[in-house]
Amino acid sequence: MSSNAVRQEAPAPKEELLTVDDLFERYRGLVPKRTIDYWRYTKKGPPFIKIGRRVLYPLAGVIAWERKRMIHSDLVNKPLP
């Protein structure tokens, strides 16, 4: 490789971004859009990116947020009385 050669890096994969409507559909309409807006306002919801007036949610961030909120029941391993 010559010293003048420029090292080409592979382009980063495009990260999927969800809109509020996409997030609403992801939760099958069970979580109202106003709740999603409230989560964003109180910073209790999934991470988001704001570009101008547009709000976008990185899918990887949404999945990580969902996993942190997952409740594991230990009832599966306990015998019933």
PDB file of N, CA and C in Angstrom:
ATOM      1  N   MET A   1       0.848  -1.172   0.000  1.00  0.00           N
ATOM      2  CA  MET A   1       0.000   0.000   0.000  1.00  0.00           C
ATOM      3  C   MET A   1       0.890   1.231   0.000  1.00  0.00           C
ATOM      4  N   SER A   2       0.643   2.153  -0.892  1.00  0.00           N
ATOM      5  CA  SER A   2       1.482   3.346  -0.967  1.00  0.00           C
ATOM      6  C   SER A   2       1.102   4.332   0.125  1.00  0.00           C
ATOM      7  N   SER A   3       2.024   5.195   0.476  1.00  0.00           N
ATOM      8  CA  SER A   3       1.765   6.163   1.547  1.00  0.00           C
ATOM      9  C   SER A   3       0.747   7.212   1.117  1.00  0.00           C
ATOM     10  N   ASN A   4       0.507   7.338  -0.195  1.00  0.00           N
ATOM     11  CA  ASN A   4      -0.458   8.312  -0.700  1.00  0.00           C
ATOM     12  C   ASN A   4      -1.875   7.756  -0.744  1.00  0.00           C
ATOM     13  N   ALA A   5      -1.998   6.479  -0.537  1.00  0.00           N
ATOM     14  CA  ALA A   5      -3.327   5.862  -0.620  1.00  0.00           C
ATOM     15  C   ALA A   5      -4.189   6.293   0.570  1.00  0.00           C
ATOM     16  N   VAL A   6      -5.434   6.586   0.289  1.00  0.00           N
ATOM     17  CA  VAL A   6      -6.371   6.984   1.337  1.00  0.00           C
ATOM     18  C   VAL A   6      -7.118   5.742   1.774  1.00  0.00           C
ATOM     19  N   ARG A   7      -7.154   5.541   3.061  1.00  0.00           N
ATOM     20  CA  ARG A   7      -7.827   4.352   3.581  1.00  0.00           C
ATOM     21  C   ARG A   7      -9.332   4.549   3.498  1.00  0.00           C
ATOM     22  N   GLN A   8      -9.981   3.648   2.816  1.00  0.00           N
ATOM     23  CA  GLN A   8     -11.436   3.702   2.657  1.00  0.00           C
ATOM     24  C   GLN A   8     -12.084   2.886   3.754  1.00  0.00           C
ATOM     25  N   GLU A   9     -12.974   3.509   4.506  1.00  0.00           N
ATOM     26  CA  GLU A   9     -13.710   2.782   5.532  1.00  0.00           C
ATOM     27  C   GLU A   9     -15.088   2.458   5.000  1.00  0.00           C
ATOM     28  N   ALA A  10     -15.575   1.328   5.439  1.00  0.00           N
ATOM     29  CA  ALA A  10     -16.918   0.932   5.015  1.00  0.00           C
ATOM     30  C   ALA A  10     -17.923   1.925   5.572  1.00  0.00           C
ATOM     31  N   PRO A  11     -18.928   2.268   4.783  1.00  0.00           N
ATOM     32  CA  PRO A  11     -19.927   3.209   5.291  1.00  0.00           C
ATOM     33  C   PRO A  11     -20.680   2.604   6.465  1.00  0.00           C
ATOM     34  N   ALA A  12     -21.011   3.453   7.432  1.00  0.00           N
ATOM     35  CA  ALA A  12     -21.761   2.980   8.603  1.00  0.00           C
ATOM     36  C   ALA A  12     -23.163   2.594   8.158  1.00  0.00           C
ATOM     37  N   PRO A  13     -23.688   1.510   8.738  1.00  0.00           N
ATOM     38  CA  PRO A  13     -25.057   1.133   8.375  1.00  0.00           C
ATOM     39  C   PRO A  13     -26.018   2.220   8.825  1.00  0.00           C
ATOM     40  N   LYS A  14     -27.048   2.436   8.023  1.00  0.00           N
ATOM     41  CA  LYS A  14     -28.034   3.455   8.379  1.00  0.00           C
ATOM     42  C   LYS A  14     -28.871   2.951   9.535  1.00  0.00           C
ATOM     43  N   GLU A  15     -28.953   3.760  10.567  1.00  0.00           N
ATOM     44  CA  GLU A  15     -29.735   3.383  11.728  1.00  0.00           C
ATOM     45  C   GLU A  15     -31.202   3.701  11.451  1.00  0.00           C
ATOM     46  N   GLU A  16     -32.054   2.746  11.779  1.00  0.00           N
ATOM     47  CA  GLU A  16     -33.476   2.958  11.554  1.00  0.00           C
ATOM     48  C   GLU A  16     -34.009   3.936  12.596  1.00  0.00           C
ATOM     49  N   LEU A  17     -34.726   4.938  12.120  1.00  0.00           N
ATOM     50  CA  LEU A  17     -35.311   5.946  12.988  1.00  0.00           C
ATOM     51  C   LEU A  17     -36.834   5.841  12.911  1.00  0.00           C
ATOM     52  N   LEU A  18     -37.476   5.899  14.058  1.00  0.00           N
ATOM     53  CA  LEU A  18     -38.929   5.804  14.132  1.00  0.00           C
ATOM     54  C   LEU A  18     -39.528   7.171  14.431  1.00  0.00           C
ATOM     55  N   THR A  19     -40.680   7.446  13.831  1.00  0.00           N
ATOM     56  CA  THR A  19     -41.425   8.653  14.165  1.00  0.00           C
ATOM     57  C   THR A  19     -42.345   8.341  15.342  1.00  0.00           C
ATOM     58  N   VAL A  20     -43.034   9.357  15.854  1.00  0.00           N
ATOM     59  CA  VAL A  20     -44.008   9.126  16.920  1.00  0.00           C
ATOM     60  C   VAL A  20     -45.083   8.164  16.425  1.00  0.00           C
ATOM     61  N   ASP A  21     -45.502   8.318  15.168  1.00  0.00           N
ATOM     62  CA  ASP A  21     -46.511   7.408  14.606  1.00  0.00           C
ATOM     63  C   ASP A  21     -45.989   5.976  14.544  1.00  0.00           C
ATOM     64  N   ASP A  22     -44.716   5.817  14.179  1.00  0.00           N
ATOM     65  CA  ASP A  22     -44.115   4.472  14.140  1.00  0.00           C
ATOM     66  C   ASP A  22     -44.103   3.851  15.537  1.00  0.00           C
ATOM     67  N   LEU A  23     -43.758   4.660  16.540  1.00  0.00           N
ATOM     68  CA  LEU A  23     -43.719   4.164  17.912  1.00  0.00           C
ATOM     69  C   LEU A  23     -45.122   3.787  18.382  1.00  0.00           C
ATOM     70  N   PHE A  24     -46.089   4.600  18.012  1.00  0.00           N
ATOM     71  CA  PHE A  24     -47.495   4.324  18.324  1.00  0.00           C
ATOM     72  C   PHE A  24     -47.909   2.975  17.733  1.00  0.00           C
ATOM     73  N   GLU A  25     -47.545   2.745  16.478  1.00  0.00           N
ATOM     74  CA  GLU A  25     -47.860   1.469  15.817  1.00  0.00           C
ATOM     75  C   GLU A  25     -47.093   0.314  16.460  1.00  0.00           C
ATOM     76  N   ARG A  26     -45.857   0.551  16.875  1.00  0.00           N
ATOM     77  CA  ARG A  26     -45.053  -0.496  17.513  1.00  0.00           C
ATOM     78  C   ARG A  26     -45.756  -1.023  18.755  1.00  0.00           C
ATOM     79  N   TYR A  27     -46.413  -0.115  19.481  1.00  0.00           N
ATOM     80  CA  TYR A  27     -47.133  -0.513  20.691  1.00  0.00           C
ATOM     81  C   TYR A  27     -48.596  -0.818  20.404  1.00  0.00           C
ATOM     82  N   ARG A  28     -48.879  -1.060  19.113  1.00  0.00           N
ATOM     83  CA  ARG A  28     -50.202  -1.501  18.652  1.00  0.00           C
ATOM     84  C   ARG A  28     -51.334  -0.577  19.091  1.00  0.00           C
ATOM     85  N   GLY A  29     -51.033   0.682  19.250  1.00  0.00           N
ATOM     86  CA  GLY A  29     -52.048   1.651  19.627  1.00  0.00           C
ATOM     87  C   GLY A  29     -52.463   1.571  21.085  1.00  0.00           C
ATOM     88  N   LEU A  30     -51.799   0.727  21.870  1.00  0.00           N
ATOM     89  CA  LEU A  30     -52.153   0.568  23.281  1.00  0.00           C
ATOM     90  C   LEU A  30     -51.600   1.706  24.137  1.00  0.00           C
ATOM     91  N   VAL A  31     -50.582   2.392  23.624  1.00  0.00           N
ATOM     92  CA  VAL A  31     -50.020   3.549  24.321  1.00  0.00           C
ATOM     93  C   VAL A  31     -50.415   4.774  23.497  1.00  0.00           C
ATOM     94  N   PRO A  32     -51.239   5.667  24.072  1.00  0.00           N
ATOM     95  CA  PRO A  32     -51.673   6.854  23.315  1.00  0.00           C
ATOM     96  C   PRO A  32     -50.492   7.741  22.916  1.00  0.00           C
ATOM     97  N   LYS A  33     -50.644   8.445  21.793  1.00  0.00           N
ATOM     98  CA  LYS A  33     -49.591   9.353  21.331  1.00  0.00           C
ATOM     99  C   LYS A  33     -49.299  10.420  22.380  1.00  0.00           C
ATOM    100  N   ARG A  34     -50.312  10.838  23.110  1.00  0.00           N
ATOM    101  CA  ARG A  34     -50.095  11.855  24.145  1.00  0.00           C
ATOM    102  C   ARG A  34     -49.186  11.316  25.251  1.00  0.00           C
ATOM    103  N   THR A  35     -49.280  10.023  25.527  1.00  0.00           N
ATOM    104  CA  THR A  35     -48.392   9.412  26.521  1.00  0.00           C
ATOM    105  C   THR A  35     -46.961   9.402  26.003  1.00  0.00           C
ATOM    106  N   ILE A  36     -46.794   9.072  24.734  1.00  0.00           N
ATOM    107  CA  ILE A  36     -45.456   9.091  24.122  1.00  0.00           C
ATOM    108  C   ILE A  36     -44.884  10.511  24.191  1.00  0.00           C
ATOM    109  N   ASP A  37     -45.722  11.512  23.912  1.00  0.00           N
ATOM    110  CA  ASP A  37     -45.285  12.913  24.014  1.00  0.00           C
ATOM    111  C   ASP A  37     -44.909  13.258  25.457  1.00  0.00           C
ATOM    112  N   TYR A  38     -45.694  12.778  26.409  1.00  0.00           N
ATOM    113  CA  TYR A  38     -45.429  13.052  27.823  1.00  0.00           C
ATOM    114  C   TYR A  38     -44.110  12.406  28.261  1.00  0.00           C
ATOM    115  N   TRP A  39     -43.879  11.175  27.814  1.00  0.00           N
ATOM    116  CA  TRP A  39     -42.617  10.508  28.129  1.00  0.00           C
ATOM    117  C   TRP A  39     -41.445  11.353  27.642  1.00  0.00           C
ATOM    118  N   ARG A  40     -41.587  11.896  26.429  1.00  0.00           N
ATOM    119  CA  ARG A  40     -40.505  12.710  25.865  1.00  0.00           C
ATOM    120  C   ARG A  40     -40.341  13.989  26.680  1.00  0.00           C
ATOM    121  N   TYR A  41     -41.452  14.638  27.024  1.00  0.00           N
ATOM    122  CA  TYR A  41     -41.417  15.891  27.788  1.00  0.00           C
ATOM    123  C   TYR A  41     -40.749  15.693  29.149  1.00  0.00           C
ATOM    124  N   THR A  42     -41.063  14.566  29.800  1.00  0.00           N
ATOM    125  CA  THR A  42     -40.512  14.298  31.137  1.00  0.00           C
ATOM    126  C   THR A  42     -39.192  13.530  31.071  1.00  0.00           C
ATOM    127  N   LYS A  43     -38.749  13.202  29.876  1.00  0.00           N
ATOM    128  CA  LYS A  43     -37.508  12.442  29.640  1.00  0.00           C
ATOM    129  C   LYS A  43     -37.537  11.081  30.330  1.00  0.00           C
ATOM    130  N   LYS A  44     -38.718  10.458  30.349  1.00  0.00           N
ATOM    131  CA  LYS A  44     -38.884   9.124  30.938  1.00  0.00           C
ATOM    132  C   LYS A  44     -39.053   8.050  29.873  1.00  0.00           C
ATOM    133  N   GLY A  45     -39.131   8.441  28.632  1.00  0.00           N
ATOM    134  CA  GLY A  45     -39.364   7.490  27.558  1.00  0.00           C
ATOM    135  C   GLY A  45     -38.082   7.099  26.860  1.00  0.00           C
ATOM    136  N   PRO A  46     -38.224   6.475  25.699  1.00  0.00           N
ATOM    137  CA  PRO A  46     -37.041   6.066  24.941  1.00  0.00           C
ATOM    138  C   PRO A  46     -36.260   7.290  24.465  1.00  0.00           C
ATOM    139  N   PRO A  47     -34.954   7.121  24.230  1.00  0.00           N
ATOM    140  CA  PRO A  47     -34.147   8.241  23.742  1.00  0.00           C
ATOM    141  C   PRO A  47     -34.639   8.716  22.382  1.00  0.00           C
ATOM    142  N   PHE A  48     -34.513  10.009  22.139  1.00  0.00           N
ATOM    143  CA  PHE A  48     -34.986  10.578  20.879  1.00  0.00           C
ATOM    144  C   PHE A  48     -33.993  11.600  20.358  1.00  0.00           C
ATOM    145  N   ILE A  49     -34.160  11.899  19.091  1.00  0.00           N
ATOM    146  CA  ILE A  49     -33.356  12.906  18.413  1.00  0.00           C
ATOM    147  C   ILE A  49     -34.331  13.966  17.923  1.00  0.00           C
ATOM    148  N   LYS A  50     -33.992  15.210  18.129  1.00  0.00           N
ATOM    149  CA  LYS A  50     -34.847  16.284  17.637  1.00  0.00           C
ATOM    150  C   LYS A  50     -34.083  17.043  16.568  1.00  0.00           C
ATOM    151  N   ILE A  51     -34.640  17.068  15.379  1.00  0.00           N
ATOM    152  CA  ILE A  51     -34.048  17.789  14.255  1.00  0.00           C
ATOM    153  C   ILE A  51     -35.089  18.806  13.818  1.00  0.00           C
ATOM    154  N   GLY A  52     -34.836  20.055  14.175  1.00  0.00           N
ATOM    155  CA  GLY A  52     -35.853  21.076  13.919  1.00  0.00           C
ATOM    156  C   GLY A  52     -37.073  20.758  14.770  1.00  0.00           C
ATOM    157  N   ARG A  53     -38.212  20.635  14.132  1.00  0.00           N
ATOM    158  CA  ARG A  53     -39.446  20.303  14.843  1.00  0.00           C
ATOM    159  C   ARG A  53     -39.732  18.799  14.831  1.00  0.00           C
ATOM    160  N   ARG A  54     -38.921  18.066  14.097  1.00  0.00           N
ATOM    161  CA  ARG A  54     -39.146  16.629  13.940  1.00  0.00           C
ATOM    162  C   ARG A  54     -38.511  15.847  15.069  1.00  0.00           C
ATOM    163  N   VAL A  55     -39.254  14.877  15.599  1.00  0.00           N
ATOM    164  CA  VAL A  55     -38.764  14.013  16.669  1.00  0.00           C
ATOM    165  C   VAL A  55     -38.615  12.605  16.099  1.00  0.00           C
ATOM    166  N   LEU A  56     -37.443  12.020  16.276  1.00  0.00           N
ATOM    167  CA  LEU A  56     -37.159  10.681  15.771  1.00  0.00           C
ATOM    168  C   LEU A  56     -36.582   9.834  16.891  1.00  0.00           C
ATOM    169  N   TYR A  57     -36.945   8.573  16.878  1.00  0.00           N
ATOM    170  CA  TYR A  57     -36.492   7.620  17.893  1.00  0.00           C
ATOM    171  C   TYR A  57     -35.614   6.566  17.228  1.00  0.00           C
ATOM    172  N   PRO A  58     -34.326   6.485  17.602  1.00  0.00           N
ATOM    173  CA  PRO A  58     -33.479   5.414  17.061  1.00  0.00           C
ATOM    174  C   PRO A  58     -34.012   4.054  17.541  1.00  0.00           C
ATOM    175  N   LEU A  59     -34.223   3.138  16.617  1.00  0.00           N
ATOM    176  CA  LEU A  59     -34.780   1.831  16.961  1.00  0.00           C
ATOM    177  C   LEU A  59     -33.942   1.127  18.019  1.00  0.00           C
ATOM    178  N   ALA A  60     -32.621   1.208  17.902  1.00  0.00           N
ATOM    179  CA  ALA A  60     -31.749   0.549  18.885  1.00  0.00           C
ATOM    180  C   ALA A  60     -31.984   1.117  20.287  1.00  0.00           C
ATOM    181  N   GLY A  61     -32.201   2.427  20.380  1.00  0.00           N
ATOM    182  CA  GLY A  61     -32.479   3.052  21.663  1.00  0.00           C
ATOM    183  C   GLY A  61     -33.820   2.646  22.229  1.00  0.00           C
ATOM    184  N   VAL A  62     -34.812   2.501  21.350  1.00  0.00           N
ATOM    185  CA  VAL A  62     -36.150   2.069  21.776  1.00  0.00           C
ATOM    186  C   VAL A  62     -36.082   0.653  22.335  1.00  0.00           C
ATOM    187  N   ILE A  63     -35.375  -0.229  21.630  1.00  0.00           N
ATOM    188  CA  ILE A  63     -35.256  -1.623  22.079  1.00  0.00           C
ATOM    189  C   ILE A  63     -34.526  -1.691  23.420  1.00  0.00           C
ATOM    190  N   ALA A  64     -33.448  -0.912  23.567  1.00  0.00           N
ATOM    191  CA  ALA A  64     -32.704  -0.898  24.839  1.00  0.00           C
ATOM    192  C   ALA A  64     -33.591  -0.386  25.971  1.00  0.00           C
ATOM    193  N   TRP A  65     -34.379   0.650  25.713  1.00  0.00           N
ATOM    194  CA  TRP A  65     -35.288   1.210  26.716  1.00  0.00           C
ATOM    195  C   TRP A  65     -36.353   0.184  27.122  1.00  0.00           C
ATOM    196  N   GLU A  66     -36.881  -0.523  26.129  1.00  0.00           N
ATOM    197  CA  GLU A  66     -37.881  -1.567  26.418  1.00  0.00           C
ATOM    198  C   GLU A  66     -37.278  -2.679  27.273  1.00  0.00           C
ATOM    199  N   ARG A  67     -36.055  -3.077  26.955  1.00  0.00           N
ATOM    200  CA  ARG A  67     -35.411  -4.157  27.726  1.00  0.00           C
ATOM    201  C   ARG A  67     -35.182  -3.753  29.178  1.00  0.00           C
ATOM    202  N   LYS A  68     -34.820  -2.467  29.406  1.00  0.00           N
ATOM    203  CA  LYS A  68     -34.616  -2.001  30.779  1.00  0.00           C
ATOM    204  C   LYS A  68     -35.925  -2.014  31.565  1.00  0.00           C
ATOM    205  N   ARG A  69     -37.034  -1.846  30.879  1.00  0.00           N
ATOM    206  CA  ARG A  69     -38.328  -1.782  31.544  1.00  0.00           C
ATOM    207  C   ARG A  69     -38.984  -3.160  31.677  1.00  0.00           C
ATOM    208  N   MET A  70     -38.385  -4.179  31.101  1.00  0.00           N
ATOM    209  CA  MET A  70     -38.962  -5.513  31.136  1.00  0.00           C
ATOM    210  C   MET A  70     -38.971  -6.041  32.565  1.00  0.00           C
ATOM    211  N   ILE A  71     -40.094  -6.573  32.958  1.00  0.00           N
ATOM    212  CA  ILE A  71     -40.242  -7.124  34.300  1.00  0.00           C
ATOM    213  C   ILE A  71     -40.222  -8.639  34.191  1.00  0.00           C
ATOM    214  N   HIS A  72     -39.294  -9.250  34.899  1.00  0.00           N
ATOM    215  CA  HIS A  72     -39.178 -10.704  34.891  1.00  0.00           C
ATOM    216  C   HIS A  72     -39.873 -11.245  36.130  1.00  0.00           C
ATOM    217  N   SER A  73     -40.842 -12.058  35.908  1.00  0.00           N
ATOM    218  CA  SER A  73     -41.576 -12.633  37.027  1.00  0.00           C
ATOM    219  C   SER A  73     -40.877 -13.887  37.498  1.00  0.00           C
ATOM    220  N   ASP A  74     -40.664 -13.966  38.806  1.00  0.00           N
ATOM    221  CA  ASP A  74     -40.056 -15.184  39.346  1.00  0.00           C
ATOM    222  C   ASP A  74     -41.135 -16.191  39.733  1.00  0.00           C
ATOM    223  N   LEU A  75     -42.384 -15.868  39.398  1.00  0.00           N
ATOM    224  CA  LEU A  75     -43.484 -16.800  39.675  1.00  0.00           C
ATOM    225  C   LEU A  75     -43.356 -18.082  38.851  1.00  0.00           C
ATOM    226  N   VAL A  76     -42.637 -17.994  37.745  1.00  0.00           N
ATOM    227  CA  VAL A  76     -42.474 -19.154  36.868  1.00  0.00           C
ATOM    228  C   VAL A  76     -41.789 -20.286  37.621  1.00  0.00           C
ATOM    229  N   ASN A  77     -40.856 -19.958  38.494  1.00  0.00           N
ATOM    230  CA  ASN A  77     -40.077 -20.984  39.197  1.00  0.00           C
ATOM    231  C   ASN A  77     -40.629 -21.358  40.563  1.00  0.00           C
ATOM    232  N   LYS A  78     -41.684 -20.658  41.005  1.00  0.00           N
ATOM    233  CA  LYS A  78     -42.232 -20.934  42.324  1.00  0.00           C
ATOM    234  C   LYS A  78     -43.435 -21.867  42.214  1.00  0.00           C
ATOM    235  N   PRO A  79     -43.507 -22.861  43.094  1.00  0.00           N
ATOM    236  CA  PRO A  79     -44.686 -23.744  43.064  1.00  0.00           C
ATOM    237  C   PRO A  79     -45.898 -22.999  43.603  1.00  0.00           C
ATOM    238  N   LEU A  80     -47.043 -23.334  43.088  1.00  0.00           N
ATOM    239  CA  LEU A  80     -48.290 -22.741  43.569  1.00  0.00           C
ATOM    240  C   LEU A  80     -48.651 -23.330  44.917  1.00  0.00           C
ATOM    241  N   PRO A  81     -49.261 -22.528  45.810  1.00  0.00           N
ATOM    242  CA  PRO A  81     -49.630 -23.059  47.135  1.00  0.00           C
ATOM    243  C   PRO A  81     -50.734 -24.095  47.046  1.00  0.00           C
TER     244      PRO A  81
END
